[in-house]
Amino acid sequence: MGAIFDMKAFFRWLETSSERELLQRRDQLQHAIEHKFTESSVITDAKYLLKEIEQEMLARTMR
């Protein structure tokens, strides 16, 4: 239940966040993937979130 709630909250944030917030979170995730995270499952999850953020940024650009 916790993971589902967290993902629901993430997607709600994704829809309501500003362009600046998206850029900040994207940059934070990229840095963490490259320099902080060591467990493969955490890296995989972070890459998924990063992909979702980048897709949202692209979708907003295309509108």
N, C-alpha and C. Protein backbone atom coordinates (compact mmCIF):
# COMPACT_ATOMS: atom_id res chain seq x y z
N MET A 1 0.82 -1.20 0.00
CA MET A 1 0.00 0.00 0.00
C MET A 1 0.86 1.26 0.00
N GLY A 2 1.98 1.25 0.73
CA GLY A 2 2.84 2.42 0.81
C GLY A 2 3.40 2.83 -0.53
N ALA A 3 3.88 1.86 -1.30
CA ALA A 3 4.48 2.17 -2.61
C ALA A 3 3.43 2.72 -3.56
N ILE A 4 2.24 2.16 -3.52
CA ILE A 4 1.16 2.64 -4.39
C ILE A 4 0.80 4.08 -4.03
N PHE A 5 0.70 4.36 -2.74
CA PHE A 5 0.40 5.73 -2.30
C PHE A 5 1.50 6.69 -2.74
N ASP A 6 2.75 6.26 -2.58
CA ASP A 6 3.87 7.11 -2.98
C ASP A 6 3.84 7.41 -4.48
N MET A 7 3.53 6.42 -5.28
CA MET A 7 3.48 6.63 -6.73
C MET A 7 2.31 7.55 -7.09
N LYS A 8 1.19 7.37 -6.40
CA LYS A 8 0.05 8.25 -6.64
C LYS A 8 0.42 9.69 -6.31
N ALA A 9 1.11 9.89 -5.21
CA ALA A 9 1.55 11.23 -4.82
C ALA A 9 2.54 11.78 -5.84
N PHE A 10 3.43 10.94 -6.34
CA PHE A 10 4.40 11.39 -7.34
C PHE A 10 3.69 11.86 -8.60
N PHE A 11 2.74 11.08 -9.10
CA PHE A 11 2.04 11.47 -10.32
C PHE A 11 1.17 12.70 -10.11
N ARG A 12 0.63 12.87 -8.92
CA ARG A 12 -0.12 14.09 -8.61
C ARG A 12 0.84 15.29 -8.64
N TRP A 13 2.02 15.12 -8.03
CA TRP A 13 3.02 16.19 -8.06
C TRP A 13 3.44 16.48 -9.50
N LEU A 14 3.62 15.44 -10.29
CA LEU A 14 4.06 15.59 -11.67
C LEU A 14 3.08 16.45 -12.47
N GLU A 15 1.80 16.27 -12.23
CA GLU A 15 0.77 17.02 -12.95
C GLU A 15 0.69 18.48 -12.49
N THR A 16 1.01 18.75 -11.24
CA THR A 16 0.79 20.08 -10.69
C THR A 16 2.07 20.90 -10.53
N SER A 17 3.21 20.30 -10.74
CA SER A 17 4.48 20.99 -10.52
C SER A 17 4.74 22.03 -11.60
N SER A 18 5.52 23.01 -11.22
CA SER A 18 5.92 24.04 -12.18
C SER A 18 7.10 23.53 -13.02
N GLU A 19 7.39 24.25 -14.07
CA GLU A 19 8.53 23.89 -14.92
C GLU A 19 9.82 23.91 -14.10
N ARG A 20 9.93 24.89 -13.25
CA ARG A 20 11.13 25.00 -12.40
C ARG A 20 11.26 23.80 -11.46
N GLU A 21 10.15 23.38 -10.86
CA GLU A 21 10.18 22.22 -9.98
C GLU A 21 10.57 20.96 -10.74
N LEU A 22 10.07 20.82 -11.95
CA LEU A 22 10.44 19.66 -12.77
C LEU A 22 11.94 19.66 -13.05
N LEU A 23 12.47 20.81 -13.42
CA LEU A 23 13.90 20.91 -13.70
C LEU A 23 14.74 20.60 -12.47
N GLN A 24 14.33 21.11 -11.32
CA GLN A 24 15.06 20.86 -10.08
C GLN A 24 15.07 19.37 -9.73
N ARG A 25 13.90 18.75 -9.80
CA ARG A 25 13.81 17.33 -9.45
C ARG A 25 14.58 16.48 -10.44
N ARG A 26 14.51 16.84 -11.73
CA ARG A 26 15.26 16.11 -12.75
C ARG A 26 16.75 16.18 -12.46
N ASP A 27 17.24 17.37 -12.17
CA ASP A 27 18.66 17.55 -11.89
C ASP A 27 19.09 16.80 -10.63
N GLN A 28 18.24 16.82 -9.61
CA GLN A 28 18.54 16.10 -8.37
C GLN A 28 18.63 14.59 -8.62
N LEU A 29 17.68 14.07 -9.38
CA LEU A 29 17.70 12.64 -9.68
C LEU A 29 18.92 12.25 -10.51
N GLN A 30 19.25 13.05 -11.52
CA GLN A 30 20.42 12.75 -12.34
C GLN A 30 21.68 12.72 -11.50
N HIS A 31 21.83 13.69 -10.62
CA HIS A 31 23.01 13.74 -9.76
C HIS A 31 23.06 12.52 -8.83
N ALA A 32 21.93 12.19 -8.24
CA ALA A 32 21.88 11.05 -7.33
C ALA A 32 22.19 9.74 -8.06
N ILE A 33 21.67 9.57 -9.25
CA ILE A 33 21.94 8.36 -10.03
C ILE A 33 23.43 8.24 -10.33
N GLU A 34 24.04 9.35 -10.69
CA GLU A 34 25.45 9.34 -11.09
C GLU A 34 26.41 9.29 -9.91
N HIS A 35 26.04 9.85 -8.75
CA HIS A 35 27.02 10.03 -7.68
C HIS A 35 26.64 9.44 -6.32
N LYS A 36 25.39 9.16 -6.07
CA LYS A 36 24.99 8.76 -4.72
C LYS A 36 24.43 7.35 -4.62
N PHE A 37 23.53 7.00 -5.51
CA PHE A 37 22.87 5.70 -5.40
C PHE A 37 23.82 4.58 -5.78
N THR A 38 23.76 3.49 -5.02
CA THR A 38 24.63 2.34 -5.31
C THR A 38 23.85 1.06 -5.55
N GLU A 39 22.66 0.95 -5.01
CA GLU A 39 21.86 -0.27 -5.19
C GLU A 39 21.15 -0.24 -6.54
N SER A 40 21.23 -1.34 -7.25
CA SER A 40 20.66 -1.39 -8.61
C SER A 40 19.15 -1.15 -8.61
N SER A 41 18.44 -1.65 -7.61
CA SER A 41 16.99 -1.46 -7.58
C SER A 41 16.63 0.02 -7.36
N VAL A 42 17.41 0.70 -6.56
CA VAL A 42 17.18 2.13 -6.32
C VAL A 42 17.48 2.93 -7.58
N ILE A 43 18.56 2.56 -8.26
CA ILE A 43 18.92 3.23 -9.52
C ILE A 43 17.83 3.02 -10.56
N THR A 44 17.32 1.80 -10.65
CA THR A 44 16.25 1.50 -11.60
C THR A 44 15.01 2.34 -11.31
N ASP A 45 14.62 2.41 -10.05
CA ASP A 45 13.46 3.22 -9.67
C ASP A 45 13.68 4.69 -9.98
N ALA A 46 14.86 5.19 -9.69
CA ALA A 46 15.18 6.60 -9.94
C ALA A 46 15.15 6.90 -11.44
N LYS A 47 15.66 5.98 -12.24
CA LYS A 47 15.64 6.17 -13.69
C LYS A 47 14.21 6.20 -14.22
N TYR A 48 13.34 5.39 -13.63
CA TYR A 48 11.93 5.41 -14.02
C TYR A 48 11.31 6.77 -13.72
N LEU A 49 11.55 7.28 -12.52
CA LEU A 49 11.01 8.59 -12.15
C LEU A 49 11.59 9.69 -13.04
N LEU A 50 12.86 9.59 -13.34
CA LEU A 50 13.51 10.55 -14.22
C LEU A 50 12.87 10.55 -15.61
N LYS A 51 12.60 9.35 -16.11
CA LYS A 51 11.94 9.22 -17.42
C LYS A 51 10.56 9.86 -17.40
N GLU A 52 9.81 9.64 -16.34
CA GLU A 52 8.47 10.23 -16.23
C GLU A 52 8.54 11.76 -16.19
N ILE A 53 9.50 12.30 -15.46
CA ILE A 53 9.67 13.75 -15.40
C ILE A 53 10.02 14.30 -16.77
N GLU A 54 10.95 13.66 -17.45
CA GLU A 54 11.35 14.13 -18.78
C GLU A 54 10.21 14.03 -19.78
N GLN A 55 9.39 12.99 -19.67
CA GLN A 55 8.23 12.87 -20.56
C GLN A 55 7.23 14.00 -20.30
N GLU A 56 7.03 14.34 -19.04
CA GLU A 56 6.12 15.44 -18.69
C GLU A 56 6.66 16.76 -19.23
N MET A 57 7.95 16.96 -19.11
CA MET A 57 8.55 18.19 -19.63
C MET A 57 8.37 18.27 -21.15
N LEU A 58 8.56 17.16 -21.83
CA LEU A 58 8.39 17.13 -23.28
C LEU A 58 6.93 17.37 -23.66
N ALA A 59 6.02 16.73 -22.94
CA ALA A 59 4.59 16.90 -23.23
C ALA A 59 4.17 18.35 -23.07
N ARG A 60 4.68 19.01 -22.05
CA ARG A 60 4.33 20.42 -21.85
C ARG A 60 4.90 21.29 -22.97
N THR A 61 6.06 20.94 -23.46
CA THR A 61 6.68 21.68 -24.56
C THR A 61 5.87 21.53 -25.84
N MET A 62 5.29 20.35 -26.04
CA MET A 62 4.55 20.04 -27.26
C MET A 62 3.16 20.67 -27.27
N ARG A 63 2.64 21.07 -26.11
CA ARG A 63 1.28 21.64 -26.04
C ARG A 63 1.20 22.99 -26.67
